[in-house]
Every structure is written in C-alpha cells, then in structure tokens.
C-alpha cells in the first residue's frame, strides 16, 4: 500500500472524483500539449451523468480554456474498469489529432489509466495488505497502530498541515450563512446549529454543526481535505474537532488519530473502493465513518483490536448505502449524511470500548463485502442521479 498522505488530499470541492481529479487530469494533459490549437474532452458514465452538478465541465474548461475546448457528454458508454472515464484529445491548427489520453478517476482524487492495477502503487510503503496482517505485525512487535505507522513513514508535518486546513474549513463554514450554489438552493445550517449549541450547550449540536460546516464549504467549492473523499469530508474533521474542543484532546493526539483514520481509509481503498461511482456511498460516507470511529476509539485509549472493531462496526452499518445525489449536486442527501455519520462514528467507538475487541465479523471481511455489494448495486444507484432519492419529481 502507498502513503496515507494520498487519503488526505487538499483541494476545492465539491467532488474529489468529479472535480479535483478531472482538473488534475486536464492540467497534466495541457502541460503535455500547451500549444494545442483545440482540445476535446469526452466524459463517460457517472462523470457525464452528474458532471454538471459536480462542476466537472466547469473545471475542465477553466483549465484548458473555454474558447478552445469542447466537452462531450457520453451518457451511455461505461467502461468495465471504472465508470468514471475521461478521454482527452489535442488537435493542431489543421484539425489533425496530436494525441489522445484515456484516464479514469477512481476515487479520492486519484487517477489511473486503463487496466492499471488499483491495489498496488509504484512506491509501496506498507507491505501488509490487510488489517489482519497489520494486527499480527503489531502483536509480534508489541506496538500500537500509531507506532506501526510511524515505523513506515513520517507523517507529522503533513498531517499538521491537514489538521490546520480542516480546522480553518470548519471555522469558515460555521461563520457563513446564506444559500448554497446550484439549482436546489439549499440553505446553509452550520451557523444555525452552532448558535443553538452556544445557547443550549448540546454537544450533539456542536458535532452536527462542525460536520455541516465542512460539507457546506465543500458543496460551495471551498477548500477541504478528502477523508477519504470530498463528498464525505465532513465526518472525520467533525469527530476530531469534537474530541479536541469538547474533550480537550491535544493537537498531537489529533495528529496521531489522523494517522489511524488514514490507515483505515488506505485499507478501504486498496481492498475495496472509496468511489461512490463504483460502490455507492458506502465507499464514501461509510468509509469516512469507519475512519472517524477508529480515530475516536484511539483517542479514548482503545487497544488495536478495539480500534479495528470500532472501524468494522461503523462500516458494517453503512453497507448497501446508495450514492444518489439529487440533481447531481453534492448537497442532498450528502451534507446531512456527513452529520449523521459523525454521531454513528462516536457511537461505534464507544460500543467497541465496552468490549475486549473480540468479535465475529472482521473489518477485512466487511471491506470485501462492501466491494461485492457495490458491484451488485444497480448502476442507477452509483452517482448517476438516475435512481433513489435523486429521482424526486420536480428536481431533475
């Protein structure tokens, strides 16, 4: 497995797979052909179906130049390798094609080419492939998960920056009111919930407010950290902010908790998927909840086995969750899901701490089940806005 840094990418929302990755792909293609006279970009599958709501076309046009770029929405063709496909073409002044590039946005802002292995990277940092192997390694060396991660890579400086961005996003989101951009005209609620917290001192209101703050910033195209995606970026920061500001956890403890959460996200990405277009929202909010549960369990002093159990509980109870954004926008039900998942993460951690960590279904088995479930899900429930909640009449 590669670096935990790749779970925490910093950029603008609303979608890591539909906004961040296409923008990065366009930047790479433009750098290869800066003097091209014209460009065309064909979007396939989920990228075509929800591209406008996710601002895919907008960021590509901004990157390549609207005056020289044609966007083609191919709603019908879906590649077996991954449904998020893009084909870039560059042309000279005579209309001759200079080059073409087929690339896939596989989740969390990551790009892959056709048939490129998804479970390995050019730079392998963690040679253990699943949680069972990691727990065995830790037991043999009598170390905890943070010590295991620290033996493999130095993340402190990077995660300090990640945490600063998370906190700044929360602060901005809590301070902003009004209506989110897009056809749905969704009202921001983070500030309202935060004001209720200050009046009533309801801890749940604080947790909801911080999750909403990040998710609303993401929906407006603000700066967020993927955890593991933009659409699920509100869960982990909310739980960590709750731990710091309600239970006085230190920044150092938060950094270590980010390591643990990142490891869970990395395992999910390598053994299943964190792409809503591939496995539904179980791979986004479900994995985010699992990451947050593991982080919170660590902050409560859990053993390695209890942390694994907390992560397993959180993801198990998101199995089968569809990705059905209304109007293709990362707002309904995405924003609310982040807030509710933050409470489920804390509950999962608390539940695990009441046990000795022994349980029947392993986290590894839940990963494989999530992958199987996601592949079985109908295409219309996987970030296409063709089914589920997205079919509400009078919206699309």
Protein backbone atom coordinates (compact mmCIF):
# COMPACT_ATOMS: atom_id res chain seq x y z
CA UNK A 1 0.00 0.00 0.00
CA UNK A 2 1.14 3.56 -0.69
CA UNK A 3 1.26 6.58 1.62
CA UNK A 4 -1.52 7.65 3.96
CA UNK A 5 -0.92 11.12 2.51
CA UNK A 6 -2.89 10.02 -0.55
CA UNK A 7 -6.02 9.61 1.58
CA UNK A 8 -5.78 13.25 2.67
CA UNK A 9 -5.70 15.40 -0.46
CA UNK A 10 -6.26 19.13 -0.12
CA UNK A 11 -8.27 20.96 -2.74
CA UNK A 12 -11.55 22.55 -3.68
CA UNK A 13 -14.86 20.75 -3.69
CA UNK A 14 -17.44 19.63 -4.38
CA UNK A 15 -16.09 16.24 -5.51
CA UNK A 16 -12.70 14.58 -5.40
CA UNK A 17 -13.61 12.19 -8.22
CA UNK A 18 -15.68 14.57 -10.35
CA UNK A 19 -13.93 17.90 -9.70
CA UNK A 20 -10.42 17.51 -8.28
CA UNK A 21 -9.32 14.56 -10.43
CA UNK A 22 -10.68 15.92 -13.74
CA UNK A 23 -8.99 19.24 -13.05
CA UNK A 24 -5.70 17.46 -12.33
CA UNK A 25 -6.08 15.35 -15.48
CA UNK A 26 -6.74 18.45 -17.58
CA UNK A 27 -3.68 20.14 -16.08
CA UNK A 28 -1.48 17.15 -16.91
CA UNK A 29 -2.80 16.94 -20.48
CA UNK A 30 -2.35 20.67 -21.03
CA UNK A 31 1.24 20.53 -19.74
CA UNK A 32 1.95 17.84 -22.33
CA UNK A 33 0.33 19.83 -25.17
CA UNK A 34 0.47 23.50 -24.13
CA UNK A 35 0.40 24.75 -27.73
CA UNK A 36 -2.54 22.67 -28.93
CA UNK A 37 -4.96 24.65 -31.06
CA UNK A 38 -8.04 22.80 -29.80
CA UNK A 39 -8.97 20.26 -27.16
CA UNK A 40 -11.90 17.90 -26.75
CA UNK A 41 -12.80 16.01 -23.59
CA UNK A 42 -15.29 13.16 -23.62
CA UNK A 43 -16.87 12.30 -20.26
CA UNK A 44 -18.31 8.83 -19.74
CA UNK A 45 -20.70 7.16 -17.31
CA UNK A 46 -21.01 8.82 -13.93
CA UNK A 47 -18.78 11.74 -14.94
CA UNK A 48 -21.17 12.51 -17.79
CA UNK A 49 -24.39 11.93 -15.84
CA UNK A 50 -23.52 14.07 -12.81
CA UNK A 51 -20.72 16.16 -14.29
CA UNK A 52 -22.65 19.43 -14.44
CA UNK A 53 -23.85 19.14 -10.84
CA UNK A 54 -20.29 18.30 -9.74
CA UNK A 55 -18.76 21.12 -11.86
CA UNK A 56 -16.70 18.66 -13.91
CA UNK A 57 -17.19 20.55 -17.17
CA UNK A 58 -16.53 23.89 -15.48
CA UNK A 59 -13.12 22.96 -14.04
CA UNK A 60 -12.00 21.34 -17.30
CA UNK A 61 -12.99 24.41 -19.33
CA UNK A 62 -11.25 26.69 -16.84
CA UNK A 63 -8.09 24.59 -17.04
CA UNK A 64 -7.86 24.01 -20.81
CA UNK A 65 -9.55 27.23 -21.90
CA UNK A 66 -13.25 27.52 -22.67
CA UNK A 67 -12.65 29.13 -26.05
CA UNK A 68 -10.63 26.17 -27.35
CA UNK A 69 -12.24 23.20 -25.58
CA UNK A 70 -15.25 21.07 -26.43
CA UNK A 71 -16.89 18.90 -23.76
CA UNK A 72 -18.73 15.77 -24.92
CA UNK A 73 -21.11 14.04 -22.51
CA UNK A 74 -21.29 10.32 -23.30
CA UNK A 75 -24.11 9.11 -21.07
CA UNK A 76 -24.36 5.59 -22.44
CA UNK A 77 -20.85 4.13 -22.63
CA UNK A 78 -19.45 2.76 -19.36
CA UNK A 79 -16.03 1.16 -19.02
CA UNK A 80 -15.76 -2.04 -17.01
CA UNK A 81 -12.50 -0.90 -15.43
CA UNK A 82 -14.25 2.05 -13.72
CA UNK A 83 -17.34 4.16 -14.57
CA UNK A 84 -15.50 7.49 -14.18
CA UNK A 85 -13.73 7.75 -17.54
CA UNK A 86 -12.38 10.75 -19.47
CA UNK A 87 -10.85 10.84 -22.95
CA UNK A 88 -8.72 13.89 -23.73
CA UNK A 89 -7.77 14.81 -27.31
CA UNK A 90 -5.49 17.55 -28.61
CA UNK A 91 -5.55 18.99 -32.15
CA UNK A 92 -3.27 21.20 -34.23
CA UNK A 93 -4.32 24.21 -36.36
CA UNK A 94 -5.21 21.96 -39.29
CA UNK A 95 -7.56 19.87 -37.18
CA UNK A 96 -5.21 16.91 -37.00
CA UNK A 97 -5.27 14.99 -33.76
CA UNK A 98 -1.96 15.27 -31.95
CA UNK A 99 -2.66 12.95 -29.06
CA UNK A 100 -5.38 11.23 -27.07
CA UNK A 101 -5.46 10.04 -23.45
CA UNK A 102 -7.99 7.80 -21.74
CA UNK A 103 -7.84 8.21 -17.97
CA UNK A 104 -10.05 7.22 -15.04
CA UNK A 105 -10.97 9.00 -11.83
CA UNK A 106 -11.06 6.07 -9.39
CA UNK A 107 -12.00 7.87 -6.17
CA UNK A 108 -10.49 10.27 -3.68
CA UNK A 109 -8.96 12.38 -6.45
CA UNK A 110 -6.75 9.58 -7.79
CA UNK A 111 -6.15 9.00 -11.49
CA UNK A 112 -5.44 5.65 -13.16
CA UNK A 113 -5.03 4.50 -16.75
CA UNK A 114 -6.95 1.63 -18.32
CA UNK A 115 -6.19 -1.72 -16.64
CA UNK A 116 -3.60 -0.15 -14.34
CA UNK A 117 -3.54 -2.14 -11.06
CA UNK A 118 -5.59 -0.43 -8.39
CA UNK A 119 -4.31 -2.31 -5.31
CA UNK A 120 -0.61 -1.56 -5.79
CA UNK A 121 1.43 1.58 -6.31
CA UNK A 122 4.81 2.48 -7.72
CA UNK A 123 6.02 3.21 -4.19
CA UNK A 124 4.88 0.57 -1.73
CA UNK A 125 5.24 1.79 1.86
CA UNK A 126 3.08 -0.70 3.75
CA UNK A 127 3.71 -4.30 2.75
CA UNK A 128 0.91 -5.62 4.94
CA UNK A 129 -2.13 -5.88 2.70
CA UNK A 130 -4.99 -6.07 5.22
CA UNK A 131 -5.89 -5.36 8.82
CA UNK A 132 -5.28 -8.95 9.92
CA UNK A 133 -1.67 -8.74 8.75
CA UNK A 134 -1.24 -5.34 10.41
CA UNK A 135 -2.62 -6.57 13.74
CA UNK A 136 -0.32 -9.59 13.58
CA UNK A 137 2.66 -7.32 12.89
CA UNK A 138 1.73 -5.07 15.84
CA UNK A 139 1.22 -8.00 18.21
CA UNK A 140 4.56 -9.54 17.23
CA UNK A 141 6.38 -6.25 17.89
CA UNK A 142 4.16 -5.26 20.85
CA UNK A 143 3.32 -1.86 19.32
CA UNK A 144 0.12 0.11 18.70
CA UNK A 145 -1.19 1.26 15.33
CA UNK A 146 0.37 4.72 15.58
CA UNK A 147 3.78 3.20 16.27
CA UNK A 148 3.26 0.85 13.33
CA UNK A 149 2.53 3.81 11.03
CA UNK A 150 5.47 5.83 12.38
CA UNK A 151 7.81 2.93 11.57
CA UNK A 152 6.78 3.13 7.93
CA UNK A 153 6.54 6.88 7.21
CA UNK A 154 6.89 10.28 8.85
CA UNK A 155 3.53 11.99 8.59
CA UNK A 156 3.67 14.54 11.40
CA UNK A 157 4.43 17.67 9.37
CA UNK A 158 1.98 16.83 6.60
CA UNK A 159 -0.83 15.92 8.98
CA UNK A 160 -0.25 19.09 11.00
CA UNK A 161 -0.98 20.98 7.78
CA UNK A 162 -4.00 18.75 7.07
CA UNK A 163 -5.41 19.46 10.52
CA UNK A 164 -4.92 23.23 10.10
CA UNK A 165 -6.87 23.10 6.83
CA UNK A 166 -9.63 21.02 8.45
CA UNK A 167 -9.94 23.48 11.33
CA UNK A 168 -9.92 26.52 9.03
CA UNK A 169 -12.65 24.95 6.89
CA UNK A 170 -14.77 24.37 10.00
CA UNK A 171 -14.26 27.95 11.19
CA UNK A 172 -15.22 29.37 7.80
CA UNK A 173 -18.22 27.06 7.49
CA UNK A 174 -19.52 27.92 10.94
CA UNK A 175 -19.28 31.62 10.18
CA UNK A 176 -21.03 31.54 6.79
CA UNK A 177 -24.75 31.84 6.17
CA UNK A 178 -26.93 32.00 3.09
CA UNK A 179 -27.79 29.59 0.31
CA UNK A 180 -25.52 27.09 -1.42
CA UNK A 181 -24.91 27.47 -5.15
CA UNK A 182 -26.90 25.31 -7.53
CA UNK A 183 -30.44 24.61 -8.60
CA UNK A 184 -31.56 23.16 -5.25
CA UNK A 185 -30.99 26.42 -3.33
CA UNK A 186 -30.13 24.54 -0.13
CA UNK A 187 -29.91 26.74 2.95
CA UNK A 188 -26.71 26.57 5.00
CA UNK A 189 -27.39 25.23 8.51
CA UNK A 190 -23.97 25.04 10.19
CA UNK A 191 -24.14 28.55 11.65
CA UNK A 192 -27.68 27.99 12.89
CA UNK A 193 -26.74 24.71 14.59
CA UNK A 194 -23.65 26.31 16.12
CA UNK A 195 -25.72 29.15 17.59
CA UNK A 196 -28.06 26.57 19.12
CA UNK A 197 -25.07 24.80 20.63
CA UNK A 198 -23.85 28.02 22.23
CA UNK A 199 -27.29 28.70 23.71
CA UNK A 200 -28.16 25.19 24.89
CA UNK A 201 -24.70 23.58 25.21
CA UNK A 202 -25.95 20.50 23.39
CA UNK A 203 -22.86 18.52 22.42
CA UNK A 204 -24.69 16.81 19.57
CA UNK A 205 -25.48 20.23 18.11
CA UNK A 206 -21.76 21.05 18.10
CA UNK A 207 -20.94 17.80 16.33
CA UNK A 208 -23.65 18.35 13.74
CA UNK A 209 -22.57 21.96 13.23
CA UNK A 210 -18.94 21.13 12.52
CA UNK A 211 -19.81 18.31 10.11
CA UNK A 212 -22.25 20.60 8.31
CA UNK A 213 -19.66 23.38 8.21
CA UNK A 214 -17.19 21.27 6.23
CA UNK A 215 -19.82 19.69 3.98
CA UNK A 216 -21.37 23.05 3.17
CA UNK A 217 -17.97 24.52 2.35
CA UNK A 218 -17.36 21.54 0.09
CA UNK A 219 -20.71 21.99 -1.64
CA UNK A 220 -19.86 25.62 -2.33
CA UNK A 221 -16.49 24.73 -3.89
CA UNK A 222 -14.48 25.71 -0.82
CA UNK A 223 -11.18 24.26 0.40
CA UNK A 224 -11.49 20.83 2.05
CA UNK A 225 -9.46 17.74 2.81
CA UNK A 226 -10.54 14.44 1.28
CA UNK A 227 -11.26 11.99 4.10
CA UNK A 228 -11.42 9.83 2.09
CA UNK A 229 -13.37 11.92 -0.48
CA UNK A 230 -14.74 15.44 -0.80
CA UNK A 231 -18.33 14.24 -0.53
CA UNK A 232 -17.53 12.58 2.80
CA UNK A 233 -15.08 15.22 4.02
CA UNK A 234 -17.20 16.44 6.93
CA UNK A 235 -17.26 13.30 9.08
CA UNK A 236 -13.69 12.96 10.33
CA UNK A 237 -12.98 16.68 10.96
CA UNK A 238 -16.21 16.95 12.97
CA UNK A 239 -15.34 13.99 15.19
CA UNK A 240 -11.77 15.23 15.73
CA UNK A 241 -12.90 18.80 16.43
CA UNK A 242 -15.44 17.40 18.89
CA UNK A 243 -12.69 15.44 20.64
CA UNK A 244 -10.42 18.50 20.82
CA UNK A 245 -12.89 21.20 21.83
CA UNK A 246 -15.34 19.20 23.94
CA UNK A 247 -12.96 16.68 25.50
CA UNK A 248 -9.72 18.72 25.41
CA UNK A 249 -7.65 16.39 23.26
CA UNK A 250 -4.33 17.93 22.19
CA UNK A 251 -3.26 18.65 18.64
CA UNK A 252 -0.60 15.95 18.97
CA UNK A 253 -3.27 13.41 19.89
CA UNK A 254 -5.37 14.60 16.96
CA UNK A 255 -2.41 14.12 14.58
CA UNK A 256 -1.97 10.55 15.79
CA UNK A 257 -5.70 9.93 15.41
CA UNK A 258 -5.44 11.17 11.81
CA UNK A 259 -2.78 8.52 11.22
CA UNK A 260 -5.08 5.77 12.47
CA UNK A 261 -8.00 7.07 10.41
CA UNK A 262 -5.79 7.32 7.34
CA UNK A 263 -4.71 3.71 7.69
CA UNK A 264 -8.36 2.60 7.67
CA UNK A 265 -9.02 4.70 4.58
CA UNK A 266 -5.97 3.27 2.86
CA UNK A 267 -7.11 -0.29 3.58
CA UNK A 268 -10.56 0.50 2.20
CA UNK A 269 -9.11 2.00 -0.97
CA UNK A 270 -6.76 -0.93 -1.61
CA UNK A 271 -9.12 -3.76 -0.67
CA UNK A 272 -12.44 -2.36 -1.87
CA UNK A 273 -13.16 1.18 -3.14
CA UNK A 274 -13.73 4.73 -1.96
CA UNK A 275 -15.54 5.70 -5.17
CA UNK A 276 -19.25 6.45 -5.00
CA UNK A 277 -19.50 5.84 -8.74
CA UNK A 278 -18.14 2.33 -8.24
CA UNK A 279 -19.62 1.08 -4.93
CA UNK A 280 -22.10 3.73 -3.84
CA UNK A 281 -21.96 5.97 -0.80
CA UNK A 282 -20.90 3.09 1.43
CA UNK A 283 -17.45 3.68 -0.06
CA UNK A 284 -17.55 7.38 0.79
CA UNK A 285 -19.58 8.25 3.89
CA UNK A 286 -19.38 4.62 5.07
CA UNK A 287 -15.58 4.59 4.91
CA UNK A 288 -15.41 8.11 6.39
CA UNK A 289 -17.49 6.89 9.35
CA UNK A 290 -15.18 3.90 9.74
CA UNK A 291 -12.12 6.15 9.68
CA UNK A 292 -13.65 8.50 12.26
CA UNK A 293 -14.71 5.63 14.53
CA UNK A 294 -11.16 4.26 14.52
CA UNK A 295 -9.73 7.71 15.25
CA UNK A 296 -12.13 8.35 18.11
CA UNK A 297 -11.54 4.90 19.58
CA UNK A 298 -7.80 5.63 19.55
CA UNK A 299 -8.40 8.93 21.36
CA UNK A 300 -10.40 7.04 24.00
CA UNK A 301 -7.41 4.78 24.67
CA UNK A 302 -8.60 1.72 22.77
CA UNK A 303 -6.44 -1.29 22.03
CA UNK A 304 -5.57 -2.17 18.44
CA UNK A 305 -8.30 -4.79 18.46
CA UNK A 306 -10.90 -2.36 19.80
CA UNK A 307 -9.94 0.18 17.12
CA UNK A 308 -10.39 -2.45 14.45
CA UNK A 309 -13.77 -3.35 15.94
CA UNK A 310 -14.91 0.28 16.01
CA UNK A 311 -13.99 0.68 12.35
CA UNK A 312 -15.77 -2.58 11.50
CA UNK A 313 -18.99 -1.58 13.30
CA UNK A 314 -19.09 1.81 11.59
CA UNK A 315 -18.65 0.44 8.08
CA UNK A 316 -20.84 -2.64 8.60
CA UNK A 317 -23.84 -0.45 9.33
CA UNK A 318 -23.36 1.53 6.12
CA UNK A 319 -23.27 -1.50 3.83
CA UNK A 320 -25.50 -1.04 0.80
CA UNK A 321 -25.71 2.74 1.11
CA UNK A 322 -26.51 4.19 -2.30
CA UNK A 323 -24.96 7.26 -3.92
CA UNK A 324 -27.95 9.18 -5.25
CA UNK A 325 -27.22 12.93 -5.25
CA UNK A 326 -30.27 14.97 -6.14
CA UNK A 327 -29.69 16.96 -9.34
CA UNK A 328 -26.13 15.60 -9.39
CA UNK A 329 -25.09 18.11 -6.70
CA UNK A 330 -23.11 17.13 -3.61
CA UNK A 331 -25.79 18.51 -1.30
CA UNK A 332 -28.86 16.28 -0.82
CA UNK A 333 -28.50 13.80 0.87
CA UNK A 334 -24.71 14.18 1.09
CA UNK A 335 -24.43 17.04 3.58
CA UNK A 336 -26.89 15.58 6.07
CA UNK A 337 -25.29 12.15 5.78
CA UNK A 338 -21.98 13.58 6.94
CA UNK A 339 -23.56 14.97 10.10
CA UNK A 340 -25.39 11.75 10.97
CA UNK A 341 -22.33 9.61 10.21
CA UNK A 342 -20.27 11.65 12.68
CA UNK A 343 -22.56 10.59 15.52
CA UNK A 344 -22.50 6.97 14.35
CA UNK A 345 -18.71 7.03 14.39
CA UNK A 346 -18.64 8.10 18.03
CA UNK A 347 -21.26 5.51 18.96
CA UNK A 348 -19.28 2.76 17.21
CA UNK A 349 -16.13 3.72 19.11
CA UNK A 350 -17.91 3.80 22.46
CA UNK A 351 -19.52 0.44 21.78
CA UNK A 352 -16.17 -1.15 20.89
CA UNK A 353 -14.59 0.21 24.08
CA UNK A 354 -17.14 -1.72 26.15
CA UNK A 355 -15.80 -4.97 24.70
CA UNK A 356 -12.47 -6.77 24.74
CA UNK A 357 -12.18 -6.25 20.99
CA UNK A 358 -13.14 -9.78 20.05
CA UNK A 359 -15.93 -10.14 17.51
CA UNK A 360 -17.17 -12.41 14.76
CA UNK A 361 -17.05 -10.25 11.57
CA UNK A 362 -13.65 -8.75 10.81
CA UNK A 363 -13.01 -5.35 9.21
CA UNK A 364 -11.32 -7.14 6.32
CA UNK A 365 -14.46 -9.16 5.70
CA UNK A 366 -16.57 -6.00 5.72
CA UNK A 367 -14.25 -4.48 3.11
CA UNK A 368 -14.73 -7.49 0.84
CA UNK A 369 -18.48 -7.41 1.49
CA UNK A 370 -18.64 -3.71 0.65
CA UNK A 371 -16.85 -4.35 -2.63
CA UNK A 372 -19.16 -7.23 -3.51
CA UNK A 373 -22.25 -5.25 -2.52
CA UNK A 374 -21.10 -2.26 -4.53
CA UNK A 375 -20.54 -4.31 -7.66
CA UNK A 376 -24.02 -5.80 -7.26
CA UNK A 377 -25.67 -2.39 -6.87
CA UNK A 378 -27.55 -1.18 -9.89
CA UNK A 379 -25.69 1.47 -11.91
CA UNK A 380 -28.52 3.91 -11.24
CA UNK A 381 -27.64 3.95 -7.53
CA UNK A 382 -23.96 4.80 -8.07
CA UNK A 383 -23.52 8.55 -8.55
CA UNK A 384 -25.62 8.76 -11.69
CA UNK A 385 -28.67 10.59 -10.29
CA UNK A 386 -30.78 8.03 -12.16
CA UNK A 387 -32.35 6.37 -9.13
CA UNK A 388 -33.06 6.52 -5.41
CA UNK A 389 -33.51 9.92 -3.79
CA UNK A 390 -32.22 11.62 -6.93
CA UNK A 391 -35.44 10.70 -8.74
CA UNK A 392 -37.56 13.05 -6.67
CA UNK A 393 -40.08 14.61 -9.03
CA UNK A 394 -39.72 18.25 -9.93
CA UNK A 395 -35.98 18.45 -9.29
CA UNK A 396 -34.06 16.83 -12.14
